[in-house]
Amino acid sequence: MIKEDKAYIAGFLDGDGSVFASIESHSELKWHYRVRVVLKFSQHDKGKAILKWIRGKLQAGYISSSRHGSELVIKDQQRLKDLLPMLAPYAKVKKIQIKTALELLYLLPVRSKEQLFKVALLADRIGKYNIASRSRRKRFVQDLQHLNDPATTDPALS
């Protein structure tokens, strides 16, 4: 991808995108949680063509529509390990989120309870810098405190 395209996409991410982490319950995993970094680009439905262009350039993600507009969503963790360093030099607003998301990505997959808390801290740090999520921010470390409770009797969690 040429430099100008990377710069344009990073600028679009700064203005109409988001970088965040989600920690979701997942009963099939040892620690019962799945951690993922997500990259989203949002646009009014009239601007859906630019999302298609970005998707083509990044060769990743899917486009979804709702009554609020359209979004290009990228959840492929391996692909994000390639894309985020490519966009980072051009990002201005989302530079910290990208850096923190990369730290988190390189800690995956989670292999211990301590590692789960590390990625939860990083997920919380990303959320702290996302303005839209301040009112509804998940506090992943707080949500995982039950894993440190000695009264937890589920052997899968110990």
C-alpha atoms as a PDB file:
ATOM      1  CA  MET A   1       0.000   0.000   0.000  1.00  0.00           C
ATOM      2  CA  ILE A   2       1.330   3.435  -0.844  1.00  0.00           C
ATOM      3  CA  LYS A   3       2.192   5.969   1.844  1.00  0.00           C
ATOM      4  CA  GLU A   4      -0.683   8.300   0.884  1.00  0.00           C
ATOM      5  CA  ASP A   5      -3.263   5.532   1.329  1.00  0.00           C
ATOM      6  CA  LYS A   6      -1.855   4.619   4.755  1.00  0.00           C
ATOM      7  CA  ALA A   7      -1.931   8.271   5.790  1.00  0.00           C
ATOM      8  CA  TYR A   8      -5.510   8.717   4.528  1.00  0.00           C
ATOM      9  CA  ILE A   9      -6.749   5.596   6.325  1.00  0.00           C
ATOM     10  CA  ALA A  10      -4.977   6.595   9.563  1.00  0.00           C
ATOM     11  CA  GLY A  11      -6.569  10.044   9.316  1.00  0.00           C
ATOM     12  CA  PHE A  12      -9.965   8.470   8.720  1.00  0.00           C
ATOM     13  CA  LEU A  13      -9.405   6.275  11.776  1.00  0.00           C
ATOM     14  CA  ASP A  14      -8.491   9.358  13.822  1.00  0.00           C
ATOM     15  CA  GLY A  15     -11.718  11.093  12.820  1.00  0.00           C
ATOM     16  CA  ASP A  16     -14.352   8.418  12.242  1.00  0.00           C
ATOM     17  CA  GLY A  17     -12.821   5.276  13.677  1.00  0.00           C
ATOM     18  CA  SER A  18     -12.101   3.545  16.919  1.00  0.00           C
ATOM     19  CA  VAL A  19      -9.592   1.141  18.373  1.00  0.00           C
ATOM     20  CA  PHE A  20     -10.780  -0.816  21.370  1.00  0.00           C
ATOM     21  CA  ALA A  21     -10.462  -4.105  23.172  1.00  0.00           C
ATOM     22  CA  SER A  22     -13.247  -6.371  24.288  1.00  0.00           C
ATOM     23  CA  ILE A  23     -13.189  -9.134  26.833  1.00  0.00           C
ATOM     24  CA  GLU A  24     -16.090 -11.504  26.410  1.00  0.00           C
ATOM     25  CA  SER A  25     -17.249 -14.565  28.278  1.00  0.00           C
ATOM     26  CA  HIS A  26     -16.287 -17.710  26.444  1.00  0.00           C
ATOM     27  CA  SER A  27     -17.043 -20.962  28.269  1.00  0.00           C
ATOM     28  CA  GLU A  28     -14.802 -23.140  26.081  1.00  0.00           C
ATOM     29  CA  LEU A  29     -11.601 -21.326  27.042  1.00  0.00           C
ATOM     30  CA  LYS A  30      -9.589 -22.173  30.160  1.00  0.00           C
ATOM     31  CA  TRP A  31     -10.048 -18.766  31.802  1.00  0.00           C
ATOM     32  CA  HIS A  32     -13.602 -18.421  30.409  1.00  0.00           C
ATOM     33  CA  TYR A  33     -12.788 -15.154  28.613  1.00  0.00           C
ATOM     34  CA  ARG A  34     -11.775 -14.205  25.098  1.00  0.00           C
ATOM     35  CA  VAL A  35      -9.818 -11.012  24.565  1.00  0.00           C
ATOM     36  CA  ARG A  36      -9.919  -9.240  21.210  1.00  0.00           C
ATOM     37  CA  VAL A  37      -8.736  -5.977  19.757  1.00  0.00           C
ATOM     38  CA  VAL A  38     -11.248  -4.419  17.366  1.00  0.00           C
ATOM     39  CA  LEU A  39     -10.745  -1.724  14.742  1.00  0.00           C
ATOM     40  CA  LYS A  40     -13.852   0.106  13.471  1.00  0.00           C
ATOM     41  CA  PHE A  41     -14.425   2.757  10.846  1.00  0.00           C
ATOM     42  CA  SER A  42     -17.857   4.427  10.879  1.00  0.00           C
ATOM     43  CA  GLN A  43     -19.677   6.391   8.217  1.00  0.00           C
ATOM     44  CA  HIS A  44     -23.153   7.510   7.236  1.00  0.00           C
ATOM     45  CA  ASP A  45     -24.725   5.116   4.746  1.00  0.00           C
ATOM     46  CA  LYS A  46     -24.144   7.697   1.987  1.00  0.00           C
ATOM     47  CA  GLY A  47     -20.416   7.275   2.609  1.00  0.00           C
ATOM     48  CA  LYS A  48     -20.404   3.492   2.457  1.00  0.00           C
ATOM     49  CA  ALA A  49     -18.243   3.548  -0.682  1.00  0.00           C
ATOM     50  CA  ILE A  50     -15.265   4.871   1.296  1.00  0.00           C
ATOM     51  CA  LEU A  51     -15.605   1.988   3.763  1.00  0.00           C
ATOM     52  CA  LYS A  52     -15.517  -0.428   0.840  1.00  0.00           C
ATOM     53  CA  TRP A  53     -12.401   1.314  -0.480  1.00  0.00           C
ATOM     54  CA  ILE A  54     -10.693   1.076   2.944  1.00  0.00           C
ATOM     55  CA  ARG A  55     -11.698  -2.588   3.250  1.00  0.00           C
ATOM     56  CA  GLY A  56     -10.154  -3.260  -0.146  1.00  0.00           C
ATOM     57  CA  LYS A  57      -6.924  -1.477   0.764  1.00  0.00           C
ATOM     58  CA  LEU A  58      -6.632  -3.214   4.150  1.00  0.00           C
ATOM     59  CA  GLN A  59      -7.881  -6.552   2.810  1.00  0.00           C
ATOM     60  CA  ALA A  60      -9.661  -7.198   6.075  1.00  0.00           C
ATOM     61  CA  GLY A  61     -12.941  -6.891   7.888  1.00  0.00           C
ATOM     62  CA  TYR A  62     -16.605  -6.768   7.050  1.00  0.00           C
ATOM     63  CA  ILE A  63     -19.081  -3.959   6.536  1.00  0.00           C
ATOM     64  CA  SER A  64     -22.291  -3.879   8.542  1.00  0.00           C
ATOM     65  CA  SER A  65     -25.204  -1.474   8.361  1.00  0.00           C
ATOM     66  CA  SER A  66     -27.600  -0.233  10.990  1.00  0.00           C
ATOM     67  CA  ARG A  67     -30.042   2.626  11.289  1.00  0.00           C
ATOM     68  CA  HIS A  68     -27.132   4.795  12.459  1.00  0.00           C
ATOM     69  CA  GLY A  69     -24.939   4.195   9.407  1.00  0.00           C
ATOM     70  CA  SER A  70     -22.327   1.710   8.284  1.00  0.00           C
ATOM     71  CA  GLU A  71     -19.216   0.306   9.905  1.00  0.00           C
ATOM     72  CA  LEU A  72     -16.148  -1.481   8.685  1.00  0.00           C
ATOM     73  CA  VAL A  73     -15.184  -3.851  11.506  1.00  0.00           C
ATOM     74  CA  ILE A  74     -11.858  -5.683  11.718  1.00  0.00           C
ATOM     75  CA  LYS A  75     -11.482  -8.368  14.394  1.00  0.00           C
ATOM     76  CA  ASP A  76      -8.873 -10.667  12.848  1.00  0.00           C
ATOM     77  CA  GLN A  77      -6.139 -10.504  15.489  1.00  0.00           C
ATOM     78  CA  GLN A  78      -3.319 -11.619  13.207  1.00  0.00           C
ATOM     79  CA  ARG A  79      -4.334  -9.119  10.546  1.00  0.00           C
ATOM     80  CA  LEU A  80      -4.459  -6.346  13.157  1.00  0.00           C
ATOM     81  CA  LYS A  81      -0.869  -7.192  14.136  1.00  0.00           C
ATOM     82  CA  ASP A  82       0.042  -6.311  10.544  1.00  0.00           C
ATOM     83  CA  LEU A  83      -2.276  -3.330  10.043  1.00  0.00           C
ATOM     84  CA  LEU A  84      -1.809  -1.336  13.242  1.00  0.00           C
ATOM     85  CA  PRO A  85       1.979  -0.856  12.879  1.00  0.00           C
ATOM     86  CA  MET A  86       1.363   0.236   9.286  1.00  0.00           C
ATOM     87  CA  LEU A  87      -1.128   2.941  10.373  1.00  0.00           C
ATOM     88  CA  ALA A  88       0.609   4.003  13.604  1.00  0.00           C
ATOM     89  CA  PRO A  89       3.164   6.425  12.076  1.00  0.00           C
ATOM     90  CA  TYR A  90       0.344   8.440  10.469  1.00  0.00           C
ATOM     91  CA  ALA A  91      -2.150   8.439  13.343  1.00  0.00           C
ATOM     92  CA  LYS A  92      -2.353  11.521  15.536  1.00  0.00           C
ATOM     93  CA  VAL A  93      -5.455  11.131  17.713  1.00  0.00           C
ATOM     94  CA  LYS A  94      -5.457   7.330  18.056  1.00  0.00           C
ATOM     95  CA  LYS A  95      -1.674   6.873  18.436  1.00  0.00           C
ATOM     96  CA  ILE A  96      -1.880   5.822  22.119  1.00  0.00           C
ATOM     97  CA  GLN A  97      -4.771   3.424  21.484  1.00  0.00           C
ATOM     98  CA  ILE A  98      -2.866   1.804  18.608  1.00  0.00           C
ATOM     99  CA  LYS A  99       0.300   1.432  20.690  1.00  0.00           C
ATOM    100  CA  THR A 100      -1.619  -0.074  23.614  1.00  0.00           C
ATOM    101  CA  ALA A 101      -3.633  -2.361  21.319  1.00  0.00           C
ATOM    102  CA  LEU A 102      -0.381  -3.700  19.865  1.00  0.00           C
ATOM    103  CA  GLU A 103       0.954  -4.395  23.374  1.00  0.00           C
ATOM    104  CA  LEU A 104      -2.246  -6.318  24.079  1.00  0.00           C
ATOM    105  CA  LEU A 105      -2.139  -8.238  20.790  1.00  0.00           C
ATOM    106  CA  TYR A 106       1.369  -9.487  21.502  1.00  0.00           C
ATOM    107  CA  LEU A 107       0.247 -10.893  24.863  1.00  0.00           C
ATOM    108  CA  LEU A 108      -2.381 -13.093  23.181  1.00  0.00           C
ATOM    109  CA  PRO A 109      -3.408 -15.841  23.478  1.00  0.00           C
ATOM    110  CA  VAL A 110      -3.967 -15.725  27.229  1.00  0.00           C
ATOM    111  CA  ARG A 111      -2.198 -18.618  28.922  1.00  0.00           C
ATOM    112  CA  SER A 112      -2.456 -17.680  32.614  1.00  0.00           C
ATOM    113  CA  LYS A 113      -4.620 -15.773  35.048  1.00  0.00           C
ATOM    114  CA  GLU A 114      -1.842 -13.192  35.455  1.00  0.00           C
ATOM    115  CA  GLN A 115      -1.724 -12.674  31.705  1.00  0.00           C
ATOM    116  CA  LEU A 116      -5.508 -12.257  31.627  1.00  0.00           C
ATOM    117  CA  PHE A 117      -5.204  -9.434  34.175  1.00  0.00           C
ATOM    118  CA  LYS A 118      -2.409  -7.819  32.127  1.00  0.00           C
ATOM    119  CA  VAL A 119      -4.538  -7.759  28.992  1.00  0.00           C
ATOM    120  CA  ALA A 120      -7.520  -6.515  31.022  1.00  0.00           C
ATOM    121  CA  LEU A 121      -5.388  -3.604  32.258  1.00  0.00           C
ATOM    122  CA  LEU A 122      -4.396  -2.804  28.686  1.00  0.00           C
ATOM    123  CA  ALA A 123      -8.030  -3.047  27.550  1.00  0.00           C
ATOM    124  CA  ASP A 124      -9.010  -0.621  30.311  1.00  0.00           C
ATOM    125  CA  ARG A 125      -6.194   1.731  29.281  1.00  0.00           C
ATOM    126  CA  ILE A 126      -7.434   1.786  25.680  1.00  0.00           C
ATOM    127  CA  GLY A 127     -10.968   2.518  26.904  1.00  0.00           C
ATOM    128  CA  LYS A 128      -9.712   5.411  28.994  1.00  0.00           C
ATOM    129  CA  TYR A 129      -8.562   7.195  25.831  1.00  0.00           C
ATOM    130  CA  ASN A 130     -11.769   6.574  23.887  1.00  0.00           C
ATOM    131  CA  ILE A 131     -14.055   9.553  24.453  1.00  0.00           C
ATOM    132  CA  ALA A 132     -17.294   7.832  23.374  1.00  0.00           C
ATOM    133  CA  SER A 133     -16.783   4.991  25.823  1.00  0.00           C
ATOM    134  CA  ARG A 134     -16.224   7.128  28.935  1.00  0.00           C
ATOM    135  CA  SER A 135     -19.902   7.023  29.895  1.00  0.00           C
ATOM    136  CA  ARG A 136     -20.290   3.302  29.225  1.00  0.00           C
ATOM    137  CA  ARG A 137     -16.729   2.088  29.679  1.00  0.00           C
ATOM    138  CA  LYS A 138     -16.198  -1.467  30.736  1.00  0.00           C
ATOM    139  CA  ARG A 139     -13.749  -1.898  33.567  1.00  0.00           C
ATOM    140  CA  PHE A 140     -12.382  -5.294  32.666  1.00  0.00           C
ATOM    141  CA  VAL A 141      -9.979  -5.646  35.590  1.00  0.00           C
ATOM    142  CA  GLN A 142     -12.829  -4.921  37.995  1.00  0.00           C
ATOM    143  CA  ASP A 143     -15.057  -7.421  36.174  1.00  0.00           C
ATOM    144  CA  LEU A 144     -12.403 -10.143  36.525  1.00  0.00           C
ATOM    145  CA  GLN A 145     -11.782  -9.717  40.255  1.00  0.00           C
ATOM    146  CA  HIS A 146     -13.922 -12.775  40.985  1.00  0.00           C
ATOM    147  CA  LEU A 147     -11.063 -14.868  39.574  1.00  0.00           C
ATOM    148  CA  ASN A 148      -8.961 -13.851  42.591  1.00  0.00           C
ATOM    149  CA  ASP A 149     -11.724 -14.731  45.068  1.00  0.00           C
ATOM    150  CA  PRO A 150     -10.642 -17.746  47.151  1.00  0.00           C
ATOM    151  CA  ALA A 151     -14.303 -18.689  47.493  1.00  0.00           C
ATOM    152  CA  THR A 152     -14.489 -19.427  43.773  1.00  0.00           C
ATOM    153  CA  THR A 153     -15.216 -23.108  43.592  1.00  0.00           C
ATOM    154  CA  ASP A 154     -15.112 -23.626  39.837  1.00  0.00           C
ATOM    155  CA  PRO A 155     -11.993 -25.819  39.315  1.00  0.00           C
ATOM    156  CA  ALA A 156     -11.694 -24.571  35.738  1.00  0.00           C
ATOM    157  CA  LEU A 157     -10.892 -21.109  37.081  1.00  0.00           C
ATOM    158  CA  SER A 158      -8.093 -22.146  39.410  1.00  0.00           C
END
